[in-house]
Amino acid sequence: MKYGLNAEICDFDVFESNKKYNVIFMGDVIEHVPDPVKSMGKVYDLLKDDGVLWLSTPNFQSSFSVANGHNDPMRLEASHKNCFSKDSMYKLLERFNFTPVNYRISAHYNGSMEIICKKA
């Protein structure tokens, strides 16, 4: 426990818990999972009502990605199984009744997006 927070870092696909969480962080995770729909359902089940999800992922329709085309480093990353745009990510979130409350372009990775959303 650090800073008074109990955090778990793990392989999300095999993580199981009966606990419900206030916040789940998925920093550059969703583009790596084999089944993002299944993973988002798992996130929904793990969050408390009104829980918050923070996620980041490359936005393959960002101006950075479009300008760089096939030379975009995120497109060249062999471990990326999924590609999202802002629209496709919002559709996935809406499918599980997540309400986006904040969207921003990442200050850390060119062409990536960061979204904060709330479980409806």
PDB file of N, CA and C in Angstrom:
ATOM      1  N   MET A   1       0.857  -1.172   0.000  1.00  0.00           N
ATOM      2  CA  MET A   1       0.000   0.000   0.000  1.00  0.00           C
ATOM      3  C   MET A   1       0.903   1.235   0.000  1.00  0.00           C
ATOM      4  N   LYS A   2       0.676   2.134  -0.959  1.00  0.00           N
ATOM      5  CA  LYS A   2       1.460   3.351  -1.061  1.00  0.00           C
ATOM      6  C   LYS A   2       0.502   4.534  -1.127  1.00  0.00           C
ATOM      7  N   TYR A   3       0.822   5.583  -0.440  1.00  0.00           N
ATOM      8  CA  TYR A   3      -0.015   6.783  -0.399  1.00  0.00           C
ATOM      9  C   TYR A   3      -1.420   6.496   0.129  1.00  0.00           C
ATOM     10  N   GLY A   4      -1.557   5.442   0.909  1.00  0.00           N
ATOM     11  CA  GLY A   4      -2.862   5.100   1.470  1.00  0.00           C
ATOM     12  C   GLY A   4      -3.811   4.459   0.483  1.00  0.00           C
ATOM     13  N   LEU A   5      -3.296   4.054  -0.670  1.00  0.00           N
ATOM     14  CA  LEU A   5      -4.129   3.435  -1.699  1.00  0.00           C
ATOM     15  C   LEU A   5      -3.758   1.967  -1.837  1.00  0.00           C
ATOM     16  N   ASN A   6      -4.749   1.132  -1.934  1.00  0.00           N
ATOM     17  CA  ASN A   6      -4.532  -0.279  -2.193  1.00  0.00           C
ATOM     18  C   ASN A   6      -4.732  -0.487  -3.695  1.00  0.00           C
ATOM     19  N   ALA A   7      -3.659  -0.769  -4.408  1.00  0.00           N
ATOM     20  CA  ALA A   7      -3.727  -0.926  -5.863  1.00  0.00           C
ATOM     21  C   ALA A   7      -3.307  -2.332  -6.242  1.00  0.00           C
ATOM     22  N   GLU A   8      -3.883  -2.826  -7.316  1.00  0.00           N
ATOM     23  CA  GLU A   8      -3.519  -4.133  -7.838  1.00  0.00           C
ATOM     24  C   GLU A   8      -3.033  -3.963  -9.268  1.00  0.00           C
ATOM     25  N   ILE A   9      -1.879  -4.525  -9.554  1.00  0.00           N
ATOM     26  CA  ILE A   9      -1.331  -4.512 -10.901  1.00  0.00           C
ATOM     27  C   ILE A   9      -1.252  -5.971 -11.328  1.00  0.00           C
ATOM     28  N   CYS A  10      -1.880  -6.284 -12.467  1.00  0.00           N
ATOM     29  CA  CYS A  10      -1.983  -7.697 -12.826  1.00  0.00           C
ATOM     30  C   CYS A  10      -2.301  -7.859 -14.308  1.00  0.00           C
ATOM     31  N   ASP A  11      -2.285  -9.104 -14.734  1.00  0.00           N
ATOM     32  CA  ASP A  11      -2.740  -9.456 -16.080  1.00  0.00           C
ATOM     33  C   ASP A  11      -4.263  -9.409 -16.057  1.00  0.00           C
ATOM     34  N   PHE A  12      -4.820  -8.450 -16.736  1.00  0.00           N
ATOM     35  CA  PHE A  12      -6.262  -8.213 -16.659  1.00  0.00           C
ATOM     36  C   PHE A  12      -7.093  -9.401 -17.137  1.00  0.00           C
ATOM     37  N   ASP A  13      -6.629 -10.116 -18.139  1.00  0.00           N
ATOM     38  CA  ASP A  13      -7.406 -11.234 -18.671  1.00  0.00           C
ATOM     39  C   ASP A  13      -7.622 -12.356 -17.667  1.00  0.00           C
ATOM     40  N   VAL A  14      -6.719 -12.510 -16.712  1.00  0.00           N
ATOM     41  CA  VAL A  14      -6.857 -13.602 -15.737  1.00  0.00           C
ATOM     42  C   VAL A  14      -7.262 -13.102 -14.350  1.00  0.00           C
ATOM     43  N   PHE A  15      -7.376 -11.791 -14.179  1.00  0.00           N
ATOM     44  CA  PHE A  15      -7.741 -11.225 -12.882  1.00  0.00           C
ATOM     45  C   PHE A  15      -9.186 -11.564 -12.538  1.00  0.00           C
ATOM     46  N   GLU A  16      -9.370 -12.014 -11.304  1.00  0.00           N
ATOM     47  CA  GLU A  16     -10.717 -12.286 -10.798  1.00  0.00           C
ATOM     48  C   GLU A  16     -10.848 -11.685  -9.415  1.00  0.00           C
ATOM     49  N   SER A  17     -12.020 -11.148  -9.123  1.00  0.00           N
ATOM     50  CA  SER A  17     -12.264 -10.558  -7.816  1.00  0.00           C
ATOM     51  C   SER A  17     -13.762 -10.458  -7.579  1.00  0.00           C
ATOM     52  N   ASN A  18     -14.131 -10.634  -6.337  1.00  0.00           N
ATOM     53  CA  ASN A  18     -15.522 -10.388  -5.928  1.00  0.00           C
ATOM     54  C   ASN A  18     -15.690  -8.956  -5.450  1.00  0.00           C
ATOM     55  N   LYS A  19     -14.568  -8.246  -5.320  1.00  0.00           N
ATOM     56  CA  LYS A  19     -14.602  -6.857  -4.886  1.00  0.00           C
ATOM     57  C   LYS A  19     -15.095  -5.967  -6.020  1.00  0.00           C
ATOM     58  N   LYS A  20     -15.659  -4.847  -5.640  1.00  0.00           N
ATOM     59  CA  LYS A  20     -16.018  -3.800  -6.591  1.00  0.00           C
ATOM     60  C   LYS A  20     -15.097  -2.620  -6.340  1.00  0.00           C
ATOM     61  N   TYR A  21     -14.679  -1.965  -7.410  1.00  0.00           N
ATOM     62  CA  TYR A  21     -13.677  -0.905  -7.331  1.00  0.00           C
ATOM     63  C   TYR A  21     -14.278   0.446  -7.671  1.00  0.00           C
ATOM     64  N   ASN A  22     -13.710   1.494  -7.040  1.00  0.00           N
ATOM     65  CA  ASN A  22     -14.129   2.866  -7.329  1.00  0.00           C
ATOM     66  C   ASN A  22     -13.539   3.359  -8.639  1.00  0.00           C
ATOM     67  N   VAL A  23     -12.294   2.954  -8.921  1.00  0.00           N
ATOM     68  CA  VAL A  23     -11.565   3.446 -10.088  1.00  0.00           C
ATOM     69  C   VAL A  23     -10.785   2.288 -10.705  1.00  0.00           C
ATOM     70  N   ILE A  24     -10.821   2.215 -12.017  1.00  0.00           N
ATOM     71  CA  ILE A  24      -9.969   1.294 -12.759  1.00  0.00           C
ATOM     72  C   ILE A  24      -9.193   2.117 -13.777  1.00  0.00           C
ATOM     73  N   PHE A  25      -7.871   1.928 -13.798  1.00  0.00           N
ATOM     74  CA  PHE A  25      -6.988   2.574 -14.759  1.00  0.00           C
ATOM     75  C   PHE A  25      -6.592   1.543 -15.810  1.00  0.00           C
ATOM     76  N   MET A  26      -6.761   1.887 -17.061  1.00  0.00           N
ATOM     77  CA  MET A  26      -6.337   1.023 -18.161  1.00  0.00           C
ATOM     78  C   MET A  26      -5.456   1.850 -19.089  1.00  0.00           C
ATOM     79  N   GLY A  27      -4.233   2.057 -18.661  1.00  0.00           N
ATOM     80  CA  GLY A  27      -3.277   2.831 -19.442  1.00  0.00           C
ATOM     81  C   GLY A  27      -2.627   1.972 -20.502  1.00  0.00           C
ATOM     82  N   ASP A  28      -3.003   2.214 -21.748  1.00  0.00           N
ATOM     83  CA  ASP A  28      -2.447   1.481 -22.889  1.00  0.00           C
ATOM     84  C   ASP A  28      -2.606  -0.028 -22.716  1.00  0.00           C
ATOM     85  N   VAL A  29      -3.833  -0.433 -22.443  1.00  0.00           N
ATOM     86  CA  VAL A  29      -4.169  -1.844 -22.241  1.00  0.00           C
ATOM     87  C   VAL A  29      -5.118  -2.344 -23.327  1.00  0.00           C
ATOM     88  N   ILE A  30      -6.185  -1.609 -23.594  1.00  0.00           N
ATOM     89  CA  ILE A  30      -7.277  -2.099 -24.432  1.00  0.00           C
ATOM     90  C   ILE A  30      -6.827  -2.480 -25.845  1.00  0.00           C
ATOM     91  N   GLU A  31      -5.765  -1.842 -26.336  1.00  0.00           N
ATOM     92  CA  GLU A  31      -5.276  -2.178 -27.674  1.00  0.00           C
ATOM     93  C   GLU A  31      -4.491  -3.491 -27.690  1.00  0.00           C
ATOM     94  N   HIS A  32      -4.208  -4.034 -26.511  1.00  0.00           N
ATOM     95  CA  HIS A  32      -3.429  -5.278 -26.413  1.00  0.00           C
ATOM     96  C   HIS A  32      -4.271  -6.514 -26.104  1.00  0.00           C
ATOM     97  N   VAL A  33      -5.489  -6.344 -25.623  1.00  0.00           N
ATOM     98  CA  VAL A  33      -6.292  -7.503 -25.204  1.00  0.00           C
ATOM     99  C   VAL A  33      -6.887  -8.210 -26.423  1.00  0.00           C
ATOM    100  N   PRO A  34      -7.040  -9.538 -26.341  1.00  0.00           N
ATOM    101  CA  PRO A  34      -7.576 -10.270 -27.485  1.00  0.00           C
ATOM    102  C   PRO A  34      -9.041  -9.950 -27.800  1.00  0.00           C
ATOM    103  N   ASP A  35      -9.828  -9.615 -26.766  1.00  0.00           N
ATOM    104  CA  ASP A  35     -11.257  -9.367 -26.957  1.00  0.00           C
ATOM    105  C   ASP A  35     -11.659  -8.119 -26.174  1.00  0.00           C
ATOM    106  N   PRO A  36     -11.591  -6.939 -26.805  1.00  0.00           N
ATOM    107  CA  PRO A  36     -11.893  -5.705 -26.073  1.00  0.00           C
ATOM    108  C   PRO A  36     -13.336  -5.624 -25.571  1.00  0.00           C
ATOM    109  N   VAL A  37     -14.269  -6.264 -26.253  1.00  0.00           N
ATOM    110  CA  VAL A  37     -15.659  -6.266 -25.787  1.00  0.00           C
ATOM    111  C   VAL A  37     -15.755  -7.034 -24.470  1.00  0.00           C
ATOM    112  N   LYS A  38     -15.136  -8.195 -24.428  1.00  0.00           N
ATOM    113  CA  LYS A  38     -15.123  -8.996 -23.200  1.00  0.00           C
ATOM    114  C   LYS A  38     -14.428  -8.234 -22.071  1.00  0.00           C
ATOM    115  N   SER A  39     -13.310  -7.608 -22.379  1.00  0.00           N
ATOM    116  CA  SER A  39     -12.566  -6.858 -21.366  1.00  0.00           C
ATOM    117  C   SER A  39     -13.381  -5.688 -20.823  1.00  0.00           C
ATOM    118  N   MET A  40     -14.087  -4.979 -21.697  1.00  0.00           N
ATOM    119  CA  MET A  40     -14.889  -3.847 -21.237  1.00  0.00           C
ATOM    120  C   MET A  40     -16.045  -4.331 -20.367  1.00  0.00           C
ATOM    121  N   GLY A  41     -16.615  -5.486 -20.687  1.00  0.00           N
ATOM    122  CA  GLY A  41     -17.656  -6.067 -19.833  1.00  0.00           C
ATOM    123  C   GLY A  41     -17.104  -6.407 -18.462  1.00  0.00           C
ATOM    124  N   LYS A  42     -15.893  -6.895 -18.427  1.00  0.00           N
ATOM    125  CA  LYS A  42     -15.237  -7.220 -17.164  1.00  0.00           C
ATOM    126  C   LYS A  42     -15.011  -5.949 -16.342  1.00  0.00           C
ATOM    127  N   VAL A  43     -14.555  -4.894 -16.990  1.00  0.00           N
ATOM    128  CA  VAL A  43     -14.364  -3.612 -16.310  1.00  0.00           C
ATOM    129  C   VAL A  43     -15.681  -3.152 -15.704  1.00  0.00           C
ATOM    130  N   TYR A  44     -16.741  -3.231 -16.480  1.00  0.00           N
ATOM    131  CA  TYR A  44     -18.057  -2.801 -15.996  1.00  0.00           C
ATOM    132  C   TYR A  44     -18.457  -3.591 -14.750  1.00  0.00           C
ATOM    133  N   ASP A  45     -18.253  -4.901 -14.789  1.00  0.00           N
ATOM    134  CA  ASP A  45     -18.614  -5.745 -13.653  1.00  0.00           C
ATOM    135  C   ASP A  45     -17.760  -5.464 -12.420  1.00  0.00           C
ATOM    136  N   LEU A  46     -16.515  -5.068 -12.612  1.00  0.00           N
ATOM    137  CA  LEU A  46     -15.618  -4.817 -11.487  1.00  0.00           C
ATOM    138  C   LEU A  46     -15.819  -3.447 -10.837  1.00  0.00           C
ATOM    139  N   LEU A  47     -16.433  -2.518 -11.558  1.00  0.00           N
ATOM    140  CA  LEU A  47     -16.625  -1.171 -11.014  1.00  0.00           C
ATOM    141  C   LEU A  47     -17.886  -1.070 -10.168  1.00  0.00           C
ATOM    142  N   LYS A  48     -17.784  -0.287  -9.113  1.00  0.00           N
ATOM    143  CA  LYS A  48     -18.959   0.054  -8.315  1.00  0.00           C
ATOM    144  C   LYS A  48     -19.870   0.942  -9.149  1.00  0.00           C
ATOM    145  N   ASP A  49     -21.132   1.052  -8.741  1.00  0.00           N
ATOM    146  CA  ASP A  49     -22.022   2.018  -9.385  1.00  0.00           C
ATOM    147  C   ASP A  49     -21.387   3.395  -9.254  1.00  0.00           C
ATOM    148  N   ASP A  50     -21.424   4.171 -10.297  1.00  0.00           N
ATOM    149  CA  ASP A  50     -20.782   5.484 -10.369  1.00  0.00           C
ATOM    150  C   ASP A  50     -19.262   5.391 -10.325  1.00  0.00           C
ATOM    151  N   GLY A  51     -18.708   4.191 -10.550  1.00  0.00           N
ATOM    152  CA  GLY A  51     -17.261   4.031 -10.611  1.00  0.00           C
ATOM    153  C   GLY A  51     -16.689   4.740 -11.827  1.00  0.00           C
ATOM    154  N   VAL A  52     -15.391   4.953 -11.806  1.00  0.00           N
ATOM    155  CA  VAL A  52     -14.715   5.715 -12.852  1.00  0.00           C
ATOM    156  C   VAL A  52     -13.685   4.840 -13.559  1.00  0.00           C
ATOM    157  N   LEU A  53     -13.686   4.922 -14.874  1.00  0.00           N
ATOM    158  CA  LEU A  53     -12.690   4.252 -15.703  1.00  0.00           C
ATOM    159  C   LEU A  53     -11.844   5.314 -16.375  1.00  0.00           C
ATOM    160  N   TRP A  54     -10.532   5.192 -16.236  1.00  0.00           N
ATOM    161  CA  TRP A  54      -9.588   6.038 -16.971  1.00  0.00           C
ATOM    162  C   TRP A  54      -8.863   5.131 -17.935  1.00  0.00           C
ATOM    163  N   LEU A  55      -8.888   5.492 -19.213  1.00  0.00           N
ATOM    164  CA  LEU A  55      -8.157   4.672 -20.178  1.00  0.00           C
ATOM    165  C   LEU A  55      -7.421   5.541 -21.169  1.00  0.00           C
ATOM    166  N   SER A  56      -6.351   4.968 -21.668  1.00  0.00           N
ATOM    167  CA  SER A  56      -5.603   5.608 -22.743  1.00  0.00           C
ATOM    168  C   SER A  56      -5.328   4.556 -23.795  1.00  0.00           C
ATOM    169  N   THR A  57      -5.299   5.005 -25.038  1.00  0.00           N
ATOM    170  CA  THR A  57      -5.038   4.108 -26.161  1.00  0.00           C
ATOM    171  C   THR A  57      -4.686   4.956 -27.377  1.00  0.00           C
ATOM    172  N   PRO A  58      -3.942   4.420 -28.311  1.00  0.00           N
ATOM    173  CA  PRO A  58      -3.691   5.175 -29.535  1.00  0.00           C
ATOM    174  C   PRO A  58      -5.006   5.490 -30.259  1.00  0.00           C
ATOM    175  N   ASN A  59      -5.067   6.678 -30.847  1.00  0.00           N
ATOM    176  CA  ASN A  59      -6.205   7.083 -31.659  1.00  0.00           C
ATOM    177  C   ASN A  59      -5.728   7.058 -33.114  1.00  0.00           C
ATOM    178  N   PHE A  60      -6.130   6.020 -33.841  1.00  0.00           N
ATOM    179  CA  PHE A  60      -5.621   5.834 -35.192  1.00  0.00           C
ATOM    180  C   PHE A  60      -6.264   6.755 -36.223  1.00  0.00           C
ATOM    181  N   GLN A  61      -7.153   7.650 -35.762  1.00  0.00           N
ATOM    182  CA  GLN A  61      -7.666   8.698 -36.643  1.00  0.00           C
ATOM    183  C   GLN A  61      -7.212  10.077 -36.175  1.00  0.00           C
ATOM    184  N   SER A  62      -6.241  10.098 -35.268  1.00  0.00           N
ATOM    185  CA  SER A  62      -5.708  11.389 -34.828  1.00  0.00           C
ATOM    186  C   SER A  62      -4.932  12.023 -35.976  1.00  0.00           C
ATOM    187  N   SER A  63      -4.749  13.324 -35.918  1.00  0.00           N
ATOM    188  CA  SER A  63      -3.997  13.998 -36.985  1.00  0.00           C
ATOM    189  C   SER A  63      -2.558  13.483 -37.034  1.00  0.00           C
ATOM    190  N   PHE A  64      -1.976  13.150 -35.872  1.00  0.00           N
ATOM    191  CA  PHE A  64      -0.623  12.602 -35.842  1.00  0.00           C
ATOM    192  C   PHE A  64      -0.566  11.272 -36.601  1.00  0.00           C
ATOM    193  N   SER A  65      -1.513  10.396 -36.316  1.00  0.00           N
ATOM    194  CA  SER A  65      -1.520   9.074 -36.948  1.00  0.00           C
ATOM    195  C   SER A  65      -1.802   9.178 -38.449  1.00  0.00           C
ATOM    196  N   VAL A  66      -2.743  10.026 -38.814  1.00  0.00           N
ATOM    197  CA  VAL A  66      -3.074  10.205 -40.234  1.00  0.00           C
ATOM    198  C   VAL A  66      -1.878  10.790 -40.986  1.00  0.00           C
ATOM    199  N   ALA A  67      -1.219  11.779 -40.394  1.00  0.00           N
ATOM    200  CA  ALA A  67      -0.073  12.409 -41.057  1.00  0.00           C
ATOM    201  C   ALA A  67       1.094  11.441 -41.240  1.00  0.00           C
ATOM    202  N   ASN A  68       1.271  10.531 -40.290  1.00  0.00           N
ATOM    203  CA  ASN A  68       2.384   9.588 -40.357  1.00  0.00           C
ATOM    204  C   ASN A  68       2.038   8.293 -41.085  1.00  0.00           C
ATOM    205  N   GLY A  69       0.756   8.042 -41.289  1.00  0.00           N
ATOM    206  CA  GLY A  69       0.329   6.853 -42.029  1.00  0.00           C
ATOM    207  C   GLY A  69       0.966   5.583 -41.487  1.00  0.00           C
ATOM    208  N   HIS A  70       1.502   4.780 -42.385  1.00  0.00           N
ATOM    209  CA  HIS A  70       2.089   3.501 -41.985  1.00  0.00           C
ATOM    210  C   HIS A  70       3.386   3.653 -41.205  1.00  0.00           C
ATOM    211  N   ASN A  71       3.908   4.853 -41.108  1.00  0.00           N
ATOM    212  CA  ASN A  71       5.111   5.103 -40.317  1.00  0.00           C
ATOM    213  C   ASN A  71       4.797   5.503 -38.876  1.00  0.00           C
ATOM    214  N   ASP A  72       3.520   5.568 -38.528  1.00  0.00           N
ATOM    215  CA  ASP A  72       3.120   5.863 -37.156  1.00  0.00           C
ATOM    216  C   ASP A  72       3.676   4.750 -36.257  1.00  0.00           C
ATOM    217  N   PRO A  73       4.470   5.094 -35.251  1.00  0.00           N
ATOM    218  CA  PRO A  73       5.049   4.057 -34.387  1.00  0.00           C
ATOM    219  C   PRO A  73       4.007   3.147 -33.739  1.00  0.00           C
ATOM    220  N   MET A  74       2.817   3.679 -33.474  1.00  0.00           N
ATOM    221  CA  MET A  74       1.772   2.858 -32.855  1.00  0.00           C
ATOM    222  C   MET A  74       1.233   1.810 -33.835  1.00  0.00           C
ATOM    223  N   ARG A  75       1.247   2.121 -35.120  1.00  0.00           N
ATOM    224  CA  ARG A  75       0.832   1.142 -36.133  1.00  0.00           C
ATOM    225  C   ARG A  75       1.879   0.047 -36.296  1.00  0.00           C
ATOM    226  N   LEU A  76       3.121   0.372 -35.989  1.00  0.00           N
ATOM    227  CA  LEU A  76       4.218  -0.580 -36.155  1.00  0.00           C
ATOM    228  C   LEU A  76       4.393  -1.486 -34.933  1.00  0.00           C
ATOM    229  N   GLU A  77       3.687  -1.198 -33.862  1.00  0.00           N
ATOM    230  CA  GLU A  77       3.797  -1.980 -32.631  1.00  0.00           C
ATOM    231  C   GLU A  77       3.129  -3.343 -32.819  1.00  0.00           C
ATOM    232  N   ALA A  78       3.930  -4.401 -32.836  1.00  0.00           N
ATOM    233  CA  ALA A  78       3.435  -5.752 -33.134  1.00  0.00           C
ATOM    234  C   ALA A  78       2.450  -6.275 -32.094  1.00  0.00           C
ATOM    235  N   SER A  79       2.517  -5.781 -30.868  1.00  0.00           N
ATOM    236  CA  SER A  79       1.623  -6.304 -29.826  1.00  0.00           C
ATOM    237  C   SER A  79       0.250  -5.642 -29.817  1.00  0.00           C
ATOM    238  N   HIS A  80       0.027  -4.656 -30.692  1.00  0.00           N
ATOM    239  CA  HIS A  80      -1.299  -4.037 -30.770  1.00  0.00           C
ATOM    240  C   HIS A  80      -2.239  -4.945 -31.554  1.00  0.00           C
ATOM    241  N   LYS A  81      -3.240  -5.434 -30.869  1.00  0.00           N
ATOM    242  CA  LYS A  81      -4.225  -6.328 -31.483  1.00  0.00           C
ATOM    243  C   LYS A  81      -5.452  -5.560 -31.987  1.00  0.00           C
ATOM    244  N   ASN A  82      -5.676  -4.354 -31.449  1.00  0.00           N
ATOM    245  CA  ASN A  82      -6.872  -3.579 -31.761  1.00  0.00           C
ATOM    246  C   ASN A  82      -6.504  -2.138 -32.071  1.00  0.00           C
ATOM    247  N   CYS A  83      -7.260  -1.537 -32.952  1.00  0.00           N
ATOM    248  CA  CYS A  83      -7.085  -0.135 -33.317  1.00  0.00           C
ATOM    249  C   CYS A  83      -8.390   0.599 -33.037  1.00  0.00           C
ATOM    250  N   PHE A  84      -8.280   1.750 -32.406  1.00  0.00           N
ATOM    251  CA  PHE A  84      -9.465   2.540 -32.078  1.00  0.00           C
ATOM    252  C   PHE A  84      -9.319   3.967 -32.576  1.00  0.00           C
ATOM    253  N   SER A  85     -10.453   4.556 -32.857  1.00  0.00           N
ATOM    254  CA  SER A  85     -10.570   5.990 -33.071  1.00  0.00           C
ATOM    255  C   SER A  85     -11.388   6.510 -31.885  1.00  0.00           C
ATOM    256  N   LYS A  86     -11.523   7.807 -31.774  1.00  0.00           N
ATOM    257  CA  LYS A  86     -12.372   8.359 -30.717  1.00  0.00           C
ATOM    258  C   LYS A  86     -13.785   7.816 -30.863  1.00  0.00           C
ATOM    259  N   ASP A  87     -14.312   7.806 -32.101  1.00  0.00           N
ATOM    260  CA  ASP A  87     -15.680   7.329 -32.328  1.00  0.00           C
ATOM    261  C   ASP A  87     -15.849   5.861 -31.973  1.00  0.00           C
ATOM    262  N   SER A  88     -14.915   5.010 -32.401  1.00  0.00           N
ATOM    263  CA  SER A  88     -15.077   3.572 -32.121  1.00  0.00           C
ATOM    264  C   SER A  88     -14.922   3.285 -30.625  1.00  0.00           C
ATOM    265  N   MET A  89     -14.055   4.031 -29.949  1.00  0.00           N
ATOM    266  CA  MET A  89     -13.913   3.836 -28.504  1.00  0.00           C
ATOM    267  C   MET A  89     -15.163   4.290 -27.777  1.00  0.00           C
ATOM    268  N   TYR A  90     -15.740   5.421 -28.190  1.00  0.00           N
ATOM    269  CA  TYR A  90     -16.975   5.890 -27.569  1.00  0.00           C
ATOM    270  C   TYR A  90     -18.111   4.876 -27.779  1.00  0.00           C
ATOM    271  N   LYS A  91     -18.164   4.271 -28.951  1.00  0.00           N
ATOM    272  CA  LYS A  91     -19.206   3.256 -29.198  1.00  0.00           C
ATOM    273  C   LYS A  91     -19.026   2.061 -28.279  1.00  0.00           C
ATOM    274  N   LEU A  92     -17.790   1.642 -28.063  1.00  0.00           N
ATOM    275  CA  LEU A  92     -17.531   0.531 -27.147  1.00  0.00           C
ATOM    276  C   LEU A  92     -17.919   0.917 -25.725  1.00  0.00           C
ATOM    277  N   LEU A  93     -17.574   2.112 -25.305  1.00  0.00           N
ATOM    278  CA  LEU A  93     -17.931   2.576 -23.961  1.00  0.00           C
ATOM    279  C   LEU A  93     -19.446   2.657 -23.790  1.00  0.00           C
ATOM    280  N   GLU A  94     -20.128   3.193 -24.785  1.00  0.00           N
ATOM    281  CA  GLU A  94     -21.586   3.335 -24.718  1.00  0.00           C
ATOM    282  C   GLU A  94     -22.280   1.981 -24.675  1.00  0.00           C
ATOM    283  N   ARG A  95     -21.713   0.996 -25.330  1.00  0.00           N
ATOM    284  CA  ARG A  95     -22.275  -0.366 -25.318  1.00  0.00           C
ATOM    285  C   ARG A  95     -22.403  -0.892 -23.886  1.00  0.00           C
ATOM    286  N   PHE A  96     -21.503  -0.432 -23.006  1.00  0.00           N
ATOM    287  CA  PHE A  96     -21.505  -0.874 -21.615  1.00  0.00           C
ATOM    288  C   PHE A  96     -21.960   0.225 -20.657  1.00  0.00           C
ATOM    289  N   ASN A  97     -22.680   1.188 -21.179  1.00  0.00           N
ATOM    290  CA  ASN A  97     -23.259   2.266 -20.370  1.00  0.00           C
ATOM    291  C   ASN A  97     -22.230   3.085 -19.609  1.00  0.00           C
ATOM    292  N   PHE A  98     -21.068   3.286 -20.222  1.00  0.00           N
ATOM    293  CA  PHE A  98     -20.101   4.222 -19.676  1.00  0.00           C
ATOM    294  C   PHE A  98     -20.370   5.580 -20.303  1.00  0.00           C
ATOM    295  N   THR A  99     -20.340   6.607 -19.486  1.00  0.00           N
ATOM    296  CA  THR A  99     -20.539   7.967 -19.961  1.00  0.00           C
ATOM    297  C   THR A  99     -19.202   8.701 -19.944  1.00  0.00           C
ATOM    298  N   PRO A 100     -18.667   9.039 -21.115  1.00  0.00           N
ATOM    299  CA  PRO A 100     -17.419   9.812 -21.138  1.00  0.00           C
ATOM    300  C   PRO A 100     -17.642  11.192 -20.515  1.00  0.00           C
ATOM    301  N   VAL A 101     -16.748  11.567 -19.613  1.00  0.00           N
ATOM    302  CA  VAL A 101     -16.842  12.880 -18.972  1.00  0.00           C
ATOM    303  C   VAL A 101     -15.649  13.759 -19.302  1.00  0.00           C
ATOM    304  N   ASN A 102     -14.597  13.165 -19.863  1.00  0.00           N
ATOM    305  CA  ASN A 102     -13.427  13.948 -20.239  1.00  0.00           C
ATOM    306  C   ASN A 102     -12.679  13.213 -21.337  1.00  0.00           C
ATOM    307  N   TYR A 103     -12.314  13.956 -22.360  1.00  0.00           N
ATOM    308  CA  TYR A 103     -11.499  13.424 -23.455  1.00  0.00           C
ATOM    309  C   TYR A 103     -10.352  14.390 -23.680  1.00  0.00           C
ATOM    310  N   ARG A 104      -9.154  13.837 -23.824  1.00  0.00           N
ATOM    311  CA  ARG A 104      -8.031  14.705 -24.157  1.00  0.00           C
ATOM    312  C   ARG A 104      -6.994  13.931 -24.954  1.00  0.00           C
ATOM    313  N   ILE A 105      -6.194  14.682 -25.669  1.00  0.00           N
ATOM    314  CA  ILE A 105      -5.066  14.117 -26.384  1.00  0.00           C
ATOM    315  C   ILE A 105      -3.960  13.922 -25.360  1.00  0.00           C
ATOM    316  N   SER A 106      -3.326  12.781 -25.399  1.00  0.00           N
ATOM    317  CA  SER A 106      -2.279  12.465 -24.436  1.00  0.00           C
ATOM    318  C   SER A 106      -1.115  13.441 -24.528  1.00  0.00           C
ATOM    319  N   ALA A 107      -0.630  13.859 -23.381  1.00  0.00           N
ATOM    320  CA  ALA A 107       0.570  14.692 -23.324  1.00  0.00           C
ATOM    321  C   ALA A 107       1.829  13.834 -23.378  1.00  0.00           C
ATOM    322  N   HIS A 108       1.667  12.512 -23.291  1.00  0.00           N
ATOM    323  CA  HIS A 108       2.806  11.597 -23.226  1.00  0.00           C
ATOM    324  C   HIS A 108       3.102  10.894 -24.549  1.00  0.00           C
ATOM    325  N   TYR A 109       2.050  10.595 -25.311  1.00  0.00           N
ATOM    326  CA  TYR A 109       2.238   9.842 -26.549  1.00  0.00           C
ATOM    327  C   TYR A 109       1.530  10.552 -27.698  1.00  0.00           C
ATOM    328  N   ASN A 110       2.276  10.917 -28.722  1.00  0.00           N
ATOM    329  CA  ASN A 110       1.671  11.537 -29.898  1.00  0.00           C
ATOM    330  C   ASN A 110       0.625  10.594 -30.480  1.00  0.00           C
ATOM    331  N   GLY A 111      -0.540  11.126 -30.753  1.00  0.00           N
ATOM    332  CA  GLY A 111      -1.580  10.349 -31.402  1.00  0.00           C
ATOM    333  C   GLY A 111      -2.398   9.473 -30.473  1.00  0.00           C
ATOM    334  N   SER A 112      -2.190   9.579 -29.169  1.00  0.00           N
ATOM    335  CA  SER A 112      -2.976   8.766 -28.233  1.00  0.00           C
ATOM    336  C   SER A 112      -4.038   9.630 -27.561  1.00  0.00           C
ATOM    337  N   MET A 113      -5.068   8.962 -27.092  1.00  0.00           N
ATOM    338  CA  MET A 113      -6.180   9.650 -26.406  1.00  0.00           C
ATOM    339  C   MET A 113      -6.301   9.129 -24.995  1.00  0.00           C
ATOM    340  N   GLU A 114      -6.805   9.980 -24.126  1.00  0.00           N
ATOM    341  CA  GLU A 114      -7.087   9.618 -22.743  1.00  0.00           C
ATOM    342  C   GLU A 114      -8.541   9.984 -22.469  1.00  0.00           C
ATOM    343  N   ILE A 115      -9.268   9.024 -21.904  1.00  0.00           N
ATOM    344  CA  ILE A 115     -10.703   9.213 -21.657  1.00  0.00           C
ATOM    345  C   ILE A 115     -11.003   8.852 -20.217  1.00  0.00           C
ATOM    346  N   ILE A 116     -11.746   9.722 -19.571  1.00  0.00           N
ATOM    347  CA  ILE A 116     -12.298   9.417 -18.245  1.00  0.00           C
ATOM    348  C   ILE A 116     -13.782   9.232 -18.444  1.00  0.00           C
ATOM    349  N   CYS A 117     -14.304   8.129 -17.920  1.00  0.00           N
ATOM    350  CA  CYS A 117     -15.748   7.905 -18.044  1.00  0.00           C
ATOM    351  C   CYS A 117     -16.310   7.318 -16.760  1.00  0.00           C
ATOM    352  N   LYS A 118     -17.614   7.433 -16.625  1.00  0.00           N
ATOM    353  CA  LYS A 118     -18.301   7.017 -15.441  1.00  0.00           C
ATOM    354  C   LYS A 118     -19.265   5.883 -15.771  1.00  0.00           C
ATOM    355  N   LYS A 119     -19.341   4.924 -14.876  1.00  0.00           N
ATOM    356  CA  LYS A 119     -20.290   3.827 -15.044  1.00  0.00           C
ATOM    357  C   LYS A 119     -21.684   4.371 -14.791  1.00  0.00           C
ATOM    358  N   ALA A 120     -22.565   4.202 -15.745  1.00  0.00           N
ATOM    359  CA  ALA A 120     -23.935   4.729 -15.628  1.00  0.00           C
ATOM    360  C   ALA A 120     -24.790   3.796 -14.781  1.00  0.00           C
TER     361      ALA A 120
END
